[in-house]
Amino acid sequence: MWLGAHVSTAGGIHNAPAQGAMIRAEAIQIFTRNQRQWRSKPVGAREARAFREALRRYGIRLAVAHASYLLNLASPEGGLLQRSRRALVQEIRRCAALGIPLLVLHPGSHMGAGMKAGITRVAESLDWALGLTAGATVRLLVESTAGQGSSVGGSFEHLAAILKRSRHGRRLGVCLDTCHLHAAGYDLASAKGYEATWRAFDRALGGSRLRLIHLNDVSGKLGSRRDRHAGIGKGALGLATFRRLMSDPRLQELPMILETPGGPPIWRRELTALRRLRHARRRRTSAGP
């Protein structure tokens, strides 16, 4: 289990590993480009080399990327859909150049066209982009959403349908966000609800599809459909939920990334707290019955 946070790339992508080291991260998540703009330049050889060297220098064991929020792979509007697809191809190629193996993306919004049409369009968009990047080893992770408005991905069944419709299933996986799960109506906060959530995930997708977890508490009620991140232990999930996550043997091989409000000092404290929970599990396991 590698713990980390989404860190800044201010001054250049090569600066991100140092940001991760500052908060004692084992893994980092970044935007590989300005996520508020559609266009991006290809990654140069010098930029890629500097980033890879910085990862080694600062001991960051894994770097993942998050695609721009501008993308809407479920859009029924042809212009926006094509722009989103082309931007996704650029993102994949940038990750490949930087040696980043995982790219997280939001499926998008069907914008009134209906959930079935939205799911189909997302799968087609992923296939279009993956078909143009056949030589890349980057795996795309479709992220669970809070289910607000016409967004796709608010249920495990949505995610399963997207992956099932794709012709490139081996290059796809899932990222779960704890805030989004709670907002979408999955009860992680109670012991009974926690187990029910993982049973539902296994029925819909199977554990092998899960490749990354975003760790966020949530400001809002269960099933609110509102994406409102809160600090670890500061929201409706509470510290007990993160204790379960840290001690769950089914999740021990997964990287987990903070996207909580604040900045490096807060993330460092939160990572320290999460490690204490992780170490407490190890001490209990080694102690035996």
Protein backbone atom coordinates (compact mmCIF):
# COMPACT_ATOMS: atom_id res chain seq x y z
CA MET A 1 0.00 0.00 0.00
CA TRP A 2 1.68 3.18 -1.22
CA LEU A 3 0.24 6.38 0.22
CA GLY A 4 0.49 9.83 -1.32
CA ALA A 5 -1.32 12.91 -2.56
CA HIS A 6 -2.08 14.95 -5.65
CA VAL A 7 0.81 17.41 -5.75
CA SER A 8 1.63 20.57 -7.66
CA THR A 9 3.73 20.72 -10.81
CA ALA A 10 4.40 24.46 -10.45
CA GLY A 11 7.61 25.39 -12.25
CA GLY A 12 7.61 22.17 -14.26
CA ILE A 13 6.61 18.52 -14.01
CA HIS A 14 10.09 17.64 -12.75
CA ASN A 15 9.31 19.54 -9.51
CA ALA A 16 6.44 17.25 -8.52
CA PRO A 17 8.57 14.47 -6.96
CA ALA A 18 10.18 17.00 -4.61
CA GLN A 19 6.68 18.08 -3.57
CA GLY A 20 5.92 14.44 -2.83
CA ALA A 21 9.08 14.02 -0.78
CA MET A 22 8.19 17.09 1.27
CA ILE A 23 5.01 15.40 2.51
CA ARG A 24 6.73 11.98 2.82
CA ALA A 25 4.65 10.47 0.02
CA GLU A 26 5.36 7.05 -1.42
CA ALA A 27 3.19 7.83 -4.45
CA ILE A 28 2.09 11.03 -6.16
CA GLN A 29 -0.66 12.08 -8.53
CA ILE A 30 -0.23 15.00 -10.93
CA PHE A 31 -1.73 16.82 -13.88
CA THR A 32 0.78 16.38 -16.68
CA ARG A 33 -0.44 19.60 -18.34
CA ASN A 34 -2.49 22.71 -17.60
CA GLN A 35 -5.84 21.09 -16.91
CA ARG A 36 -7.72 24.30 -17.69
CA GLN A 37 -6.56 24.37 -21.33
CA TRP A 38 -7.32 22.04 -24.20
CA ARG A 39 -4.01 22.24 -26.00
CA SER A 40 -0.77 20.84 -24.69
CA LYS A 41 2.71 20.45 -26.11
CA PRO A 42 4.26 16.98 -26.44
CA VAL A 43 6.61 16.04 -23.62
CA GLY A 44 10.21 16.70 -24.63
CA ALA A 45 13.01 14.21 -24.02
CA ARG A 46 14.75 16.53 -21.53
CA GLU A 47 11.51 17.10 -19.58
CA ALA A 48 10.79 13.38 -19.42
CA ARG A 49 14.32 12.55 -18.33
CA ALA A 50 14.25 15.19 -15.59
CA PHE A 51 10.95 13.85 -14.24
CA ARG A 52 12.12 10.24 -14.17
CA GLU A 53 15.39 11.19 -12.48
CA ALA A 54 13.52 13.23 -9.86
CA LEU A 55 11.28 10.24 -9.06
CA ARG A 56 14.39 8.15 -8.37
CA ARG A 57 16.16 10.91 -6.46
CA TYR A 58 13.27 11.54 -4.08
CA GLY A 59 12.25 7.90 -3.67
CA ILE A 60 8.77 8.21 -5.15
CA ARG A 61 7.71 4.66 -5.92
CA LEU A 62 4.72 5.44 -8.15
CA ALA A 63 3.45 8.41 -10.14
CA VAL A 64 -0.06 8.50 -11.54
CA ALA A 65 -1.76 11.21 -13.57
CA HIS A 66 -5.24 12.71 -13.56
CA ALA A 67 -6.77 13.76 -16.86
CA SER A 68 -8.12 17.27 -17.33
CA TYR A 69 -11.57 18.03 -15.95
CA LEU A 70 -12.41 19.61 -19.32
CA LEU A 71 -12.84 16.20 -20.91
CA ASN A 72 -16.37 14.92 -21.42
CA LEU A 73 -16.17 11.51 -23.03
CA ALA A 74 -19.95 11.05 -22.72
CA SER A 75 -20.92 14.27 -24.50
CA PRO A 76 -23.63 14.07 -27.19
CA GLU A 77 -22.23 17.27 -28.70
CA GLY A 78 -19.94 16.26 -31.54
CA GLY A 79 -17.50 19.14 -31.20
CA LEU A 80 -16.96 18.71 -27.46
CA LEU A 81 -16.75 14.93 -27.83
CA GLN A 82 -14.06 15.08 -30.50
CA ARG A 83 -12.09 17.67 -28.59
CA SER A 84 -12.28 15.48 -25.47
CA ARG A 85 -11.14 12.41 -27.36
CA ARG A 86 -8.20 14.18 -28.94
CA ALA A 87 -7.19 15.61 -25.57
CA LEU A 88 -7.31 12.12 -24.03
CA VAL A 89 -4.94 10.83 -26.72
CA GLN A 90 -2.56 13.67 -25.85
CA GLU A 91 -2.80 12.79 -22.16
CA ILE A 92 -2.01 9.13 -22.84
CA ARG A 93 1.01 10.05 -24.95
CA ARG A 94 2.29 12.44 -22.29
CA CYS A 95 1.99 9.73 -19.62
CA ALA A 96 3.83 7.25 -21.84
CA ALA A 97 6.67 9.70 -22.39
CA LEU A 98 6.96 10.40 -18.65
CA GLY A 99 6.79 6.72 -17.66
CA ILE A 100 3.48 7.17 -15.81
CA PRO A 101 1.57 3.86 -15.88
CA LEU A 102 -1.88 4.99 -14.68
CA LEU A 103 -4.13 7.79 -15.96
CA VAL A 104 -7.32 8.57 -14.00
CA LEU A 105 -10.27 10.13 -15.80
CA HIS A 106 -13.85 11.11 -15.08
CA PRO A 107 -16.28 9.45 -17.50
CA GLY A 108 -18.21 12.68 -18.15
CA SER A 109 -21.82 13.79 -18.45
CA HIS A 110 -24.48 12.54 -20.87
CA MET A 111 -26.01 16.06 -20.85
CA GLY A 112 -29.59 14.80 -21.06
CA ALA A 113 -29.02 12.12 -23.69
CA GLY A 114 -29.66 9.37 -21.14
CA MET A 115 -27.42 7.11 -19.09
CA LYS A 116 -27.36 4.25 -21.59
CA ALA A 117 -26.26 6.58 -24.38
CA GLY A 118 -23.69 8.19 -22.10
CA ILE A 119 -22.16 4.87 -21.08
CA THR A 120 -21.95 3.74 -24.70
CA ARG A 121 -20.30 7.00 -25.73
CA VAL A 122 -17.70 6.75 -22.94
CA ALA A 123 -16.77 3.21 -23.98
CA GLU A 124 -16.51 4.28 -27.62
CA SER A 125 -14.37 7.26 -26.63
CA LEU A 126 -12.00 5.08 -24.63
CA ASP A 127 -11.69 2.64 -27.52
CA TRP A 128 -11.02 5.50 -29.95
CA ALA A 129 -8.21 6.87 -27.80
CA LEU A 130 -6.73 3.48 -26.94
CA GLY A 131 -6.81 2.45 -30.58
CA LEU A 132 -4.64 5.45 -31.48
CA THR A 133 -2.17 4.71 -28.66
CA ALA A 134 -1.80 0.97 -29.13
CA GLY A 135 1.92 1.05 -28.36
CA ALA A 136 1.53 2.78 -24.99
CA THR A 137 1.46 0.75 -21.77
CA VAL A 138 -0.61 3.36 -19.93
CA ARG A 139 -3.71 1.96 -18.21
CA LEU A 140 -6.81 4.19 -18.06
CA LEU A 141 -8.68 4.21 -14.75
CA VAL A 142 -12.33 5.26 -14.93
CA GLU A 143 -13.16 7.06 -11.69
CA SER A 144 -16.37 6.64 -9.71
CA THR A 145 -18.36 9.86 -9.46
CA ALA A 146 -20.77 11.36 -6.93
CA GLY A 147 -23.62 10.84 -9.42
CA GLN A 148 -24.53 14.52 -9.59
CA GLY A 149 -26.78 15.71 -12.40
CA SER A 150 -26.28 13.78 -15.62
CA SER A 151 -22.80 12.51 -14.76
CA VAL A 152 -21.90 8.95 -15.68
CA GLY A 153 -20.13 6.72 -13.15
CA GLY A 154 -22.23 7.18 -10.03
CA SER A 155 -22.70 3.43 -9.59
CA PHE A 156 -20.56 0.33 -9.85
CA GLU A 157 -22.92 -0.87 -12.58
CA HIS A 158 -22.08 2.21 -14.68
CA LEU A 159 -18.38 1.47 -14.40
CA ALA A 160 -18.91 -2.21 -15.17
CA ALA A 161 -20.99 -1.38 -18.25
CA ILE A 162 -18.28 0.95 -19.60
CA LEU A 163 -15.56 -1.66 -19.20
CA LYS A 164 -17.76 -4.42 -20.63
CA ARG A 165 -18.56 -2.40 -23.76
CA SER A 166 -14.88 -1.60 -24.43
CA ARG A 167 -12.77 -3.65 -26.81
CA HIS A 168 -9.64 -2.74 -24.84
CA GLY A 169 -10.56 -4.09 -21.41
CA ARG A 170 -6.99 -5.12 -20.60
CA ARG A 171 -5.92 -1.47 -20.65
CA LEU A 172 -8.76 -0.32 -18.40
CA GLY A 173 -9.32 -0.31 -14.66
CA VAL A 174 -11.21 1.55 -11.96
CA CYS A 175 -10.35 4.27 -9.46
CA LEU A 176 -12.69 4.63 -6.48
CA ASP A 177 -13.02 7.90 -4.58
CA THR A 178 -14.23 7.55 -1.00
CA CYS A 179 -15.96 10.95 -1.06
CA HIS A 180 -17.72 10.14 -4.33
CA LEU A 181 -18.83 6.74 -3.03
CA HIS A 182 -20.48 8.27 0.03
CA ALA A 183 -22.15 11.00 -2.04
CA ALA A 184 -23.41 8.38 -4.51
CA GLY A 185 -25.05 6.41 -1.67
CA TYR A 186 -22.46 3.76 -0.81
CA ASP A 187 -22.21 3.55 2.97
CA LEU A 188 -18.57 3.21 3.95
CA ALA A 189 -19.08 4.83 7.38
CA SER A 190 -20.78 1.89 9.10
CA ALA A 191 -19.20 -1.53 9.49
CA LYS A 192 -22.19 -3.23 7.87
CA GLY A 193 -22.35 -0.72 5.01
CA TYR A 194 -18.61 -0.98 4.42
CA GLU A 195 -18.81 -4.73 3.82
CA ALA A 196 -21.95 -4.35 1.71
CA THR A 197 -20.17 -1.82 -0.48
CA TRP A 198 -17.28 -4.18 -1.24
CA ARG A 199 -19.67 -7.06 -1.91
CA ALA A 200 -21.51 -4.85 -4.40
CA PHE A 201 -18.21 -3.91 -6.06
CA ASP A 202 -17.17 -7.54 -6.37
CA ARG A 203 -20.52 -8.49 -7.90
CA ALA A 204 -20.38 -5.69 -10.47
CA LEU A 205 -16.69 -5.56 -11.32
CA GLY A 206 -14.46 -7.92 -9.36
CA GLY A 207 -11.53 -6.89 -7.20
CA SER A 208 -8.95 -7.17 -9.99
CA ARG A 209 -10.43 -4.11 -11.71
CA LEU A 210 -9.62 -1.81 -8.79
CA ARG A 211 -6.20 -0.19 -9.28
CA LEU A 212 -6.30 3.03 -7.22
CA ILE A 213 -8.23 4.68 -4.40
CA HIS A 214 -8.65 8.41 -3.81
CA LEU A 215 -8.80 9.03 -0.07
CA ASN A 216 -11.13 11.87 0.85
CA ASP A 217 -13.55 12.49 3.66
CA VAL A 218 -16.82 14.09 2.63
CA SER A 219 -18.80 17.15 3.63
CA GLY A 220 -22.36 16.03 3.03
CA LYS A 221 -24.94 13.39 3.75
CA LEU A 222 -24.99 9.85 2.44
CA GLY A 223 -26.47 9.87 -1.08
CA SER A 224 -26.36 13.67 -1.39
CA ARG A 225 -24.91 13.47 -4.93
CA ARG A 226 -22.66 16.39 -4.00
CA ASP A 227 -18.90 16.17 -4.54
CA ARG A 228 -17.55 17.97 -1.47
CA HIS A 229 -14.15 16.77 -0.23
CA ALA A 230 -13.15 17.12 3.43
CA GLY A 231 -9.99 16.41 5.39
CA ILE A 232 -9.33 12.89 6.66
CA GLY A 233 -11.50 12.29 9.73
CA LYS A 234 -13.12 15.72 9.40
CA GLY A 235 -16.29 14.72 7.56
CA ALA A 236 -19.13 12.23 7.48
CA LEU A 237 -16.85 9.22 6.93
CA GLY A 238 -14.83 9.83 10.07
CA LEU A 239 -11.54 8.31 11.13
CA ALA A 240 -13.12 4.88 11.66
CA THR A 241 -13.70 4.51 7.93
CA PHE A 242 -10.07 5.18 7.12
CA ARG A 243 -9.02 2.75 9.85
CA ARG A 244 -11.06 0.10 8.03
CA LEU A 245 -9.48 1.01 4.70
CA MET A 246 -5.96 0.87 6.11
CA SER A 247 -6.60 -2.48 7.79
CA ASP A 248 -8.51 -4.14 4.95
CA PRO A 249 -6.38 -7.04 3.60
CA ARG A 250 -8.18 -6.80 0.24
CA LEU A 251 -6.68 -3.34 -0.33
CA GLN A 252 -3.09 -3.83 0.82
CA GLU A 253 -1.60 -3.86 -2.69
CA LEU A 254 -3.35 -0.67 -3.85
CA PRO A 255 -1.90 2.85 -4.05
CA MET A 256 -4.04 5.41 -2.24
CA ILE A 257 -3.94 9.12 -3.03
CA LEU A 258 -5.17 12.09 -0.99
CA GLU A 259 -7.20 14.79 -2.73
CA THR A 260 -8.19 16.56 0.46
CA PRO A 261 -8.43 20.34 0.95
CA GLY A 262 -5.41 22.20 2.28
CA GLY A 263 -1.82 21.96 1.21
CA PRO A 264 1.47 20.15 1.86
CA PRO A 265 1.59 20.64 5.67
CA ILE A 266 -1.92 19.22 6.05
CA TRP A 267 -1.26 16.35 3.64
CA ARG A 268 1.90 15.42 5.52
CA ARG A 269 -0.08 15.24 8.78
CA GLU A 270 -2.82 13.20 7.14
CA LEU A 271 -0.34 10.76 5.62
CA THR A 272 1.32 10.36 9.02
CA ALA A 273 -2.06 9.59 10.58
CA LEU A 274 -2.88 7.05 7.86
CA ARG A 275 0.49 5.35 8.31
CA ARG A 276 -0.20 4.99 12.03
CA LEU A 277 -3.43 3.22 11.17
CA ARG A 278 -1.58 1.02 8.68
CA HIS A 279 1.17 0.19 11.19
CA ALA A 280 -1.41 -0.59 13.86
CA ARG A 281 -2.85 -3.24 11.53
CA ARG A 282 0.60 -4.74 11.03
CA ARG A 283 1.25 -4.86 14.76
CA ARG A 284 -2.08 -6.63 15.36
CA THR A 285 -1.37 -9.12 12.55
CA SER A 286 2.15 -9.92 13.80
CA ALA A 287 0.91 -10.34 17.36
CA GLY A 288 -1.34 -13.21 16.29
CA PRO A 289 -4.44 -14.46 18.13
